[in-house]
């Protein structure tokens, strides 16, 4: 929840939570597709323990794990690279 709040505070990112971790990942990805999300921030047990977040680019299906404090700048930079007019 803290990561979602930090992403929202950026003022430029829309953030939805999908807290039902018991769901299979394919259902989560279907939800993401319906929302037209560009990125997914994944915070599993390993990430929480390490203080990291895994950011998955929905379009390229690539993912990168980073310190939680870098998620906002990483996503904003990736969005700028995608659409230089922003």
PDB file of N, CA and C in Angstrom:
ATOM      1  N   UNK A   1       0.816  -1.195   0.000  1.00  0.00           N
ATOM      2  CA  UNK A   1       0.000   0.000   0.000  1.00  0.00           C
ATOM      3  C   UNK A   1       0.864   1.264   0.000  1.00  0.00           C
ATOM      4  N   UNK A   2       2.015   1.199   0.678  1.00  0.00           N
ATOM      5  CA  UNK A   2       2.900   2.363   0.713  1.00  0.00           C
ATOM      6  C   UNK A   2       3.422   2.688  -0.680  1.00  0.00           C
ATOM      7  N   UNK A   3       3.744   1.661  -1.445  1.00  0.00           N
ATOM      8  CA  UNK A   3       4.245   1.892  -2.797  1.00  0.00           C
ATOM      9  C   UNK A   3       3.169   2.533  -3.657  1.00  0.00           C
ATOM     10  N   UNK A   4       1.934   2.086  -3.536  1.00  0.00           N
ATOM     11  CA  UNK A   4       0.831   2.684  -4.296  1.00  0.00           C
ATOM     12  C   UNK A   4       0.676   4.155  -3.930  1.00  0.00           C
ATOM     13  N   UNK A   5       0.771   4.461  -2.651  1.00  0.00           N
ATOM     14  CA  UNK A   5       0.649   5.857  -2.208  1.00  0.00           C
ATOM     15  C   UNK A   5       1.786   6.695  -2.775  1.00  0.00           C
ATOM     16  N   UNK A   6       2.986   6.148  -2.784  1.00  0.00           N
ATOM     17  CA  UNK A   6       4.133   6.886  -3.329  1.00  0.00           C
ATOM     18  C   UNK A   6       3.958   7.141  -4.824  1.00  0.00           C
ATOM     19  N   UNK A   7       3.489   6.143  -5.546  1.00  0.00           N
ATOM     20  CA  UNK A   7       3.253   6.304  -6.983  1.00  0.00           C
ATOM     21  C   UNK A   7       2.176   7.360  -7.238  1.00  0.00           C
ATOM     22  N   UNK A   8       1.134   7.362  -6.425  1.00  0.00           N
ATOM     23  CA  UNK A   8       0.073   8.370  -6.578  1.00  0.00           C
ATOM     24  C   UNK A   8       0.587   9.774  -6.277  1.00  0.00           C
ATOM     25  N   UNK A   9       1.445   9.902  -5.277  1.00  0.00           N
ATOM     26  CA  UNK A   9       1.979  11.220  -4.912  1.00  0.00           C
ATOM     27  C   UNK A   9       2.780  11.850  -6.034  1.00  0.00           C
ATOM     28  N   UNK A  10       3.236  11.049  -6.982  1.00  0.00           N
ATOM     29  CA  UNK A  10       3.993  11.599  -8.102  1.00  0.00           C
ATOM     30  C   UNK A  10       3.146  12.591  -8.886  1.00  0.00           C
ATOM     31  N   UNK A  11       1.818  12.437  -8.806  1.00  0.00           N
ATOM     32  CA  UNK A  11       0.910  13.350  -9.492  1.00  0.00           C
ATOM     33  C   UNK A  11       0.744  13.077 -10.967  1.00  0.00           C
ATOM     34  N   UNK A  12       1.500  12.136 -11.511  1.00  0.00           N
ATOM     35  CA  UNK A  12       1.417  11.867 -12.943  1.00  0.00           C
ATOM     36  C   UNK A  12       1.017  10.440 -13.260  1.00  0.00           C
ATOM     37  N   UNK A  13       0.917   9.599 -12.249  1.00  0.00           N
ATOM     38  CA  UNK A  13       0.624   8.195 -12.480  1.00  0.00           C
ATOM     39  C   UNK A  13      -0.721   7.809 -11.880  1.00  0.00           C
ATOM     40  N   UNK A  14      -1.506   7.060 -12.640  1.00  0.00           N
ATOM     41  CA  UNK A  14      -2.744   6.486 -12.107  1.00  0.00           C
ATOM     42  C   UNK A  14      -2.400   5.124 -11.532  1.00  0.00           C
ATOM     43  N   UNK A  15      -2.945   4.828 -10.371  1.00  0.00           N
ATOM     44  CA  UNK A  15      -2.582   3.599  -9.676  1.00  0.00           C
ATOM     45  C   UNK A  15      -3.833   2.862  -9.223  1.00  0.00           C
ATOM     46  N   UNK A  16      -3.914   1.594  -9.579  1.00  0.00           N
ATOM     47  CA  UNK A  16      -4.958   0.699  -9.087  1.00  0.00           C
ATOM     48  C   UNK A  16      -4.274  -0.369  -8.243  1.00  0.00           C
ATOM     49  N   UNK A  17      -4.981  -0.855  -7.238  1.00  0.00           N
ATOM     50  CA  UNK A  17      -4.477  -1.971  -6.444  1.00  0.00           C
ATOM     51  C   UNK A  17      -5.240  -3.225  -6.798  1.00  0.00           C
ATOM     52  N   UNK A  18      -4.549  -4.299  -6.896  1.00  0.00           N
ATOM     53  CA  UNK A  18      -5.158  -5.613  -7.079  1.00  0.00           C
ATOM     54  C   UNK A  18      -4.630  -6.473  -5.942  1.00  0.00           C
ATOM     55  N   UNK A  19      -5.232  -6.324  -4.756  1.00  0.00           N
ATOM     56  CA  UNK A  19      -4.651  -6.941  -3.562  1.00  0.00           C
ATOM     57  C   UNK A  19      -4.945  -8.423  -3.387  1.00  0.00           C
ATOM     58  N   UNK A  20      -5.778  -9.014  -4.231  1.00  0.00           N
ATOM     59  CA  UNK A  20      -6.138 -10.415  -4.061  1.00  0.00           C
ATOM     60  C   UNK A  20      -5.036 -11.309  -4.620  1.00  0.00           C
ATOM     61  N   UNK A  21      -4.011 -11.528  -3.826  1.00  0.00           N
ATOM     62  CA  UNK A  21      -2.851 -12.284  -4.301  1.00  0.00           C
ATOM     63  C   UNK A  21      -3.144 -13.767  -4.475  1.00  0.00           C
ATOM     64  N   UNK A  22      -4.299 -14.207  -3.995  1.00  0.00           N
ATOM     65  CA  UNK A  22      -4.658 -15.614  -4.165  1.00  0.00           C
ATOM     66  C   UNK A  22      -5.056 -15.912  -5.613  1.00  0.00           C
ATOM     67  N   UNK A  23      -5.347 -14.876  -6.379  1.00  0.00           N
ATOM     68  CA  UNK A  23      -5.723 -15.069  -7.790  1.00  0.00           C
ATOM     69  C   UNK A  23      -4.509 -15.514  -8.596  1.00  0.00           C
ATOM     70  N   UNK A  24      -4.763 -16.239  -9.649  1.00  0.00           N
ATOM     71  CA  UNK A  24      -3.679 -16.635 -10.532  1.00  0.00           C
ATOM     72  C   UNK A  24      -3.217 -15.430 -11.328  1.00  0.00           C
ATOM     73  N   UNK A  25      -1.940 -15.426 -11.681  1.00  0.00           N
ATOM     74  CA  UNK A  25      -1.366 -14.285 -12.395  1.00  0.00           C
ATOM     75  C   UNK A  25      -2.079 -14.034 -13.719  1.00  0.00           C
ATOM     76  N   UNK A  26      -2.564 -15.073 -14.393  1.00  0.00           N
ATOM     77  CA  UNK A  26      -3.241 -14.832 -15.675  1.00  0.00           C
ATOM     78  C   UNK A  26      -4.504 -14.006 -15.485  1.00  0.00           C
ATOM     79  N   UNK A  27      -5.181 -14.155 -14.357  1.00  0.00           N
ATOM     80  CA  UNK A  27      -6.347 -13.314 -14.071  1.00  0.00           C
ATOM     81  C   UNK A  27      -5.929 -11.871 -13.809  1.00  0.00           C
ATOM     82  N   UNK A  28      -4.823 -11.720 -13.144  1.00  0.00           N
ATOM     83  CA  UNK A  28      -4.320 -10.367 -12.875  1.00  0.00           C
ATOM     84  C   UNK A  28      -3.947  -9.689 -14.186  1.00  0.00           C
ATOM     85  N   UNK A  29      -3.270 -10.404 -15.086  1.00  0.00           N
ATOM     86  CA  UNK A  29      -2.884  -9.819 -16.368  1.00  0.00           C
ATOM     87  C   UNK A  29      -4.116  -9.485 -17.207  1.00  0.00           C
ATOM     88  N   UNK A  30      -5.169 -10.295 -17.111  1.00  0.00           N
ATOM     89  CA  UNK A  30      -6.410  -9.987 -17.817  1.00  0.00           C
ATOM     90  C   UNK A  30      -7.008  -8.683 -17.281  1.00  0.00           C
ATOM     91  N   UNK A  31      -6.985  -8.515 -15.966  1.00  0.00           N
ATOM     92  CA  UNK A  31      -7.470  -7.278 -15.345  1.00  0.00           C
ATOM     93  C   UNK A  31      -6.644  -6.086 -15.833  1.00  0.00           C
ATOM     94  N   UNK A  32      -5.346  -6.254 -15.885  1.00  0.00           N
ATOM     95  CA  UNK A  32      -4.446  -5.193 -16.345  1.00  0.00           C
ATOM     96  C   UNK A  32      -4.763  -4.825 -17.788  1.00  0.00           C
ATOM     97  N   UNK A  33      -4.989  -5.818 -18.629  1.00  0.00           N
ATOM     98  CA  UNK A  33      -5.359  -5.558 -20.024  1.00  0.00           C
ATOM     99  C   UNK A  33      -6.646  -4.750 -20.112  1.00  0.00           C
ATOM    100  N   UNK A  34      -7.631  -5.117 -19.314  1.00  0.00           N
ATOM    101  CA  UNK A  34      -8.906  -4.401 -19.324  1.00  0.00           C
ATOM    102  C   UNK A  34      -8.741  -2.951 -18.895  1.00  0.00           C
ATOM    103  N   UNK A  35      -7.800  -2.674 -18.030  1.00  0.00           N
ATOM    104  CA  UNK A  35      -7.544  -1.320 -17.534  1.00  0.00           C
ATOM    105  C   UNK A  35      -6.604  -0.552 -18.462  1.00  0.00           C
ATOM    106  N   UNK A  36      -6.061  -1.215 -19.474  1.00  0.00           N
ATOM    107  CA  UNK A  36      -5.112  -0.602 -20.425  1.00  0.00           C
ATOM    108  C   UNK A  36      -3.878  -0.065 -19.708  1.00  0.00           C
ATOM    109  N   UNK A  37      -3.445  -0.780 -18.692  1.00  0.00           N
ATOM    110  CA  UNK A  37      -2.258  -0.373 -17.938  1.00  0.00           C
ATOM    111  C   UNK A  37      -1.006  -0.591 -18.775  1.00  0.00           C
ATOM    112  N   UNK A  38      -0.042   0.254 -18.576  1.00  0.00           N
ATOM    113  CA  UNK A  38       1.237   0.147 -19.285  1.00  0.00           C
ATOM    114  C   UNK A  38       2.265  -0.619 -18.461  1.00  0.00           C
ATOM    115  N   UNK A  39       2.130  -0.535 -17.131  1.00  0.00           N
ATOM    116  CA  UNK A  39       3.076  -1.163 -16.222  1.00  0.00           C
ATOM    117  C   UNK A  39       2.350  -1.818 -15.060  1.00  0.00           C
ATOM    118  N   UNK A  40       2.980  -2.840 -14.507  1.00  0.00           N
ATOM    119  CA  UNK A  40       2.499  -3.485 -13.286  1.00  0.00           C
ATOM    120  C   UNK A  40       3.646  -3.417 -12.278  1.00  0.00           C
ATOM    121  N   UNK A  41       3.339  -2.977 -11.076  1.00  0.00           N
ATOM    122  CA  UNK A  41       4.312  -3.024  -9.981  1.00  0.00           C
ATOM    123  C   UNK A  41       3.961  -4.232  -9.132  1.00  0.00           C
ATOM    124  N   UNK A  42       4.879  -5.165  -9.041  1.00  0.00           N
ATOM    125  CA  UNK A  42       4.638  -6.416  -8.315  1.00  0.00           C
ATOM    126  C   UNK A  42       5.396  -6.380  -7.000  1.00  0.00           C
ATOM    127  N   UNK A  43       4.649  -6.611  -5.920  1.00  0.00           N
ATOM    128  CA  UNK A  43       5.255  -6.644  -4.592  1.00  0.00           C
ATOM    129  C   UNK A  43       4.886  -7.954  -3.914  1.00  0.00           C
ATOM    130  N   UNK A  44       5.679  -8.962  -4.176  1.00  0.00           N
ATOM    131  CA  UNK A  44       5.482 -10.252  -3.529  1.00  0.00           C
ATOM    132  C   UNK A  44       6.284 -10.301  -2.232  1.00  0.00           C
ATOM    133  N   UNK A  45       6.286 -11.442  -1.620  1.00  0.00           N
ATOM    134  CA  UNK A  45       7.002 -11.624  -0.357  1.00  0.00           C
ATOM    135  C   UNK A  45       8.483 -11.292  -0.497  1.00  0.00           C
ATOM    136  N   UNK A  46       9.097 -11.754  -1.587  1.00  0.00           N
ATOM    137  CA  UNK A  46      10.529 -11.488  -1.795  1.00  0.00           C
ATOM    138  C   UNK A  46      10.808  -9.995  -1.911  1.00  0.00           C
ATOM    139  N   UNK A  47       9.960  -9.286  -2.658  1.00  0.00           N
ATOM    140  CA  UNK A  47      10.149  -7.845  -2.835  1.00  0.00           C
ATOM    141  C   UNK A  47       9.974  -7.095  -1.519  1.00  0.00           C
ATOM    142  N   UNK A  48       8.947  -7.453  -0.779  1.00  0.00           N
ATOM    143  CA  UNK A  48       8.705  -6.772   0.499  1.00  0.00           C
ATOM    144  C   UNK A  48       9.888  -6.987   1.441  1.00  0.00           C
ATOM    145  N   UNK A  49      10.383  -8.206   1.515  1.00  0.00           N
ATOM    146  CA  UNK A  49      11.522  -8.523   2.380  1.00  0.00           C
ATOM    147  C   UNK A  49      12.760  -7.732   1.978  1.00  0.00           C
ATOM    148  N   UNK A  50      12.980  -7.608   0.670  1.00  0.00           N
ATOM    149  CA  UNK A  50      14.181  -6.933   0.171  1.00  0.00           C
ATOM    150  C   UNK A  50      14.016  -5.419   0.032  1.00  0.00           C
ATOM    151  N   UNK A  51      12.784  -4.907   0.190  1.00  0.00           N
ATOM    152  CA  UNK A  51      12.555  -3.474   0.007  1.00  0.00           C
ATOM    153  C   UNK A  51      12.609  -3.064  -1.453  1.00  0.00           C
ATOM    154  N   UNK A  52      12.249  -3.995  -2.325  1.00  0.00           N
ATOM    155  CA  UNK A  52      12.295  -3.723  -3.760  1.00  0.00           C
ATOM    156  C   UNK A  52      10.894  -3.806  -4.351  1.00  0.00           C
ATOM    157  N   UNK A  53      10.797  -3.475  -5.619  1.00  0.00           N
ATOM    158  CA  UNK A  53       9.564  -3.625  -6.383  1.00  0.00           C
ATOM    159  C   UNK A  53       9.959  -4.127  -7.767  1.00  0.00           C
ATOM    160  N   UNK A  54       9.168  -5.033  -8.305  1.00  0.00           N
ATOM    161  CA  UNK A  54       9.391  -5.505  -9.668  1.00  0.00           C
ATOM    162  C   UNK A  54       8.390  -4.797 -10.561  1.00  0.00           C
ATOM    163  N   UNK A  55       8.890  -4.092 -11.557  1.00  0.00           N
ATOM    164  CA  UNK A  55       8.044  -3.357 -12.492  1.00  0.00           C
ATOM    165  C   UNK A  55       8.050  -4.112 -13.807  1.00  0.00           C
ATOM    166  N   UNK A  56       6.860  -4.475 -14.255  1.00  0.00           N
ATOM    167  CA  UNK A  56       6.718  -5.192 -15.520  1.00  0.00           C
ATOM    168  C   UNK A  56       6.113  -4.264 -16.557  1.00  0.00           C
ATOM    169  N   UNK A  57       6.764  -4.158 -17.695  1.00  0.00           N
ATOM    170  CA  UNK A  57       6.255  -3.404 -18.836  1.00  0.00           C
ATOM    171  C   UNK A  57       5.286  -4.323 -19.570  1.00  0.00           C
ATOM    172  N   UNK A  58       4.019  -3.970 -19.575  1.00  0.00           N
ATOM    173  CA  UNK A  58       2.982  -4.818 -20.148  1.00  0.00           C
ATOM    174  C   UNK A  58       3.188  -4.991 -21.657  1.00  0.00           C
ATOM    175  N   UNK A  59       3.593  -3.936 -22.326  1.00  0.00           N
ATOM    176  CA  UNK A  59       3.763  -3.988 -23.776  1.00  0.00           C
ATOM    177  C   UNK A  59       4.900  -4.882 -24.223  1.00  0.00           C
ATOM    178  N   UNK A  60       6.039  -4.764 -23.574  1.00  0.00           N
ATOM    179  CA  UNK A  60       7.211  -5.536 -23.976  1.00  0.00           C
ATOM    180  C   UNK A  60       7.357  -6.843 -23.203  1.00  0.00           C
ATOM    181  N   UNK A  61       6.576  -6.982 -22.134  1.00  0.00           N
ATOM    182  CA  UNK A  61       6.621  -8.157 -21.262  1.00  0.00           C
ATOM    183  C   UNK A  61       7.980  -8.337 -20.600  1.00  0.00           C
ATOM    184  N   UNK A  62       8.687  -7.227 -20.432  1.00  0.00           N
ATOM    185  CA  UNK A  62       9.951  -7.264 -19.707  1.00  0.00           C
ATOM    186  C   UNK A  62       9.704  -6.819 -18.282  1.00  0.00           C
ATOM    187  N   UNK A  63      10.595  -7.205 -17.390  1.00  0.00           N
ATOM    188  CA  UNK A  63      10.449  -6.775 -16.004  1.00  0.00           C
ATOM    189  C   UNK A  63      11.808  -6.460 -15.423  1.00  0.00           C
ATOM    190  N   UNK A  64      11.779  -5.570 -14.448  1.00  0.00           N
ATOM    191  CA  UNK A  64      13.010  -5.140 -13.792  1.00  0.00           C
ATOM    192  C   UNK A  64      12.725  -4.935 -12.309  1.00  0.00           C
ATOM    193  N   UNK A  65      13.609  -5.452 -11.475  1.00  0.00           N
ATOM    194  CA  UNK A  65      13.477  -5.279 -10.035  1.00  0.00           C
ATOM    195  C   UNK A  65      14.411  -4.170  -9.597  1.00  0.00           C
ATOM    196  N   UNK A  66      13.900  -3.293  -8.739  1.00  0.00           N
ATOM    197  CA  UNK A  66      14.664  -2.119  -8.309  1.00  0.00           C
ATOM    198  C   UNK A  66      14.278  -1.754  -6.889  1.00  0.00           C
ATOM    199  N   UNK A  67      15.077  -0.913  -6.235  1.00  0.00           N
ATOM    200  CA  UNK A  67      14.648  -0.410  -4.925  1.00  0.00           C
ATOM    201  C   UNK A  67      13.306   0.300  -5.059  1.00  0.00           C
ATOM    202  N   UNK A  68      12.454   0.135  -4.077  1.00  0.00           N
ATOM    203  CA  UNK A  68      11.125   0.729  -4.124  1.00  0.00           C
ATOM    204  C   UNK A  68      11.134   2.221  -4.366  1.00  0.00           C
ATOM    205  N   UNK A  69      12.165   2.891  -3.890  1.00  0.00           N
ATOM    206  CA  UNK A  69      12.250   4.347  -4.042  1.00  0.00           C
ATOM    207  C   UNK A  69      12.490   4.776  -5.485  1.00  0.00           C
ATOM    208  N   UNK A  70      12.888   3.862  -6.343  1.00  0.00           N
ATOM    209  CA  UNK A  70      13.175   4.202  -7.737  1.00  0.00           C
ATOM    210  C   UNK A  70      12.005   3.927  -8.687  1.00  0.00           C
ATOM    211  N   UNK A  71      10.938   3.328  -8.187  1.00  0.00           N
ATOM    212  CA  UNK A  71       9.832   2.908  -9.065  1.00  0.00           C
ATOM    213  C   UNK A  71       9.189   4.082  -9.793  1.00  0.00           C
ATOM    214  N   UNK A  72       8.930   5.175  -9.077  1.00  0.00           N
ATOM    215  CA  UNK A  72       8.265   6.326  -9.699  1.00  0.00           C
ATOM    216  C   UNK A  72       9.110   6.877 -10.847  1.00  0.00           C
ATOM    217  N   UNK A  73      10.374   7.142 -10.599  1.00  0.00           N
ATOM    218  CA  UNK A  73      11.220   7.723 -11.654  1.00  0.00           C
ATOM    219  C   UNK A  73      11.417   6.743 -12.802  1.00  0.00           C
ATOM    220  N   UNK A  74      11.496   5.459 -12.503  1.00  0.00           N
ATOM    221  CA  UNK A  74      11.656   4.453 -13.549  1.00  0.00           C
ATOM    222  C   UNK A  74      10.444   4.446 -14.484  1.00  0.00           C
ATOM    223  N   UNK A  75       9.246   4.410 -13.909  1.00  0.00           N
ATOM    224  CA  UNK A  75       8.026   4.369 -14.725  1.00  0.00           C
ATOM    225  C   UNK A  75       7.858   5.675 -15.500  1.00  0.00           C
ATOM    226  N   UNK A  76       8.088   6.804 -14.852  1.00  0.00           N
ATOM    227  CA  UNK A  76       7.960   8.086 -15.547  1.00  0.00           C
ATOM    228  C   UNK A  76       8.938   8.172 -16.711  1.00  0.00           C
ATOM    229  N   UNK A  77      10.163   7.732 -16.508  1.00  0.00           N
ATOM    230  CA  UNK A  77      11.161   7.755 -17.571  1.00  0.00           C
ATOM    231  C   UNK A  77      10.754   6.833 -18.725  1.00  0.00           C
ATOM    232  N   UNK A  78      10.260   5.654 -18.397  1.00  0.00           N
ATOM    233  CA  UNK A  78       9.832   4.709 -19.431  1.00  0.00           C
ATOM    234  C   UNK A  78       8.654   5.267 -20.226  1.00  0.00           C
ATOM    235  N   UNK A  79       7.745   5.954 -19.556  1.00  0.00           N
ATOM    236  CA  UNK A  79       6.613   6.568 -20.253  1.00  0.00           C
ATOM    237  C   UNK A  79       7.080   7.696 -21.167  1.00  0.00           C
ATOM    238  N   UNK A  80       8.041   8.497 -20.707  1.00  0.00           N
ATOM    239  CA  UNK A  80       8.597   9.567 -21.564  1.00  0.00           C
ATOM    240  C   UNK A  80       9.281   8.980 -22.781  1.00  0.00           C
ATOM    241  N   UNK A  81      10.023   7.894 -22.580  1.00  0.00           N
ATOM    242  CA  UNK A  81      10.718   7.253 -23.703  1.00  0.00           C
ATOM    243  C   UNK A  81       9.720   6.707 -24.717  1.00  0.00           C
ATOM    244  N   UNK A  82       8.583   6.255 -24.232  1.00  0.00           N
ATOM    245  CA  UNK A  82       7.525   5.721 -25.087  1.00  0.00           C
ATOM    246  C   UNK A  82       6.837   6.794 -25.889  1.00  0.00           C
ATOM    247  N   UNK A  83       6.621   7.950 -25.245  1.00  0.00           N
ATOM    248  CA  UNK A  83       5.884   9.055 -25.858  1.00  0.00           C
ATOM    249  C   UNK A  83       6.617  10.351 -25.560  1.00  0.00           C
ATOM    250  N   UNK A  84       7.577  10.732 -26.401  1.00  0.00           N
ATOM    251  CA  UNK A  84       8.394  11.921 -26.149  1.00  0.00           C
ATOM    252  C   UNK A  84       7.615  13.224 -26.047  1.00  0.00           C
ATOM    253  N   UNK A  85       6.352  13.246 -26.448  1.00  0.00           N
ATOM    254  CA  UNK A  85       5.579  14.485 -26.386  1.00  0.00           C
ATOM    255  C   UNK A  85       5.112  14.810 -24.967  1.00  0.00           C
ATOM    256  N   UNK A  86       5.324  13.877 -24.001  1.00  0.00           N
ATOM    257  CA  UNK A  86       4.886  14.124 -22.621  1.00  0.00           C
ATOM    258  C   UNK A  86       6.021  14.637 -21.793  1.00  0.00           C
TER     259      UNK A  86
END
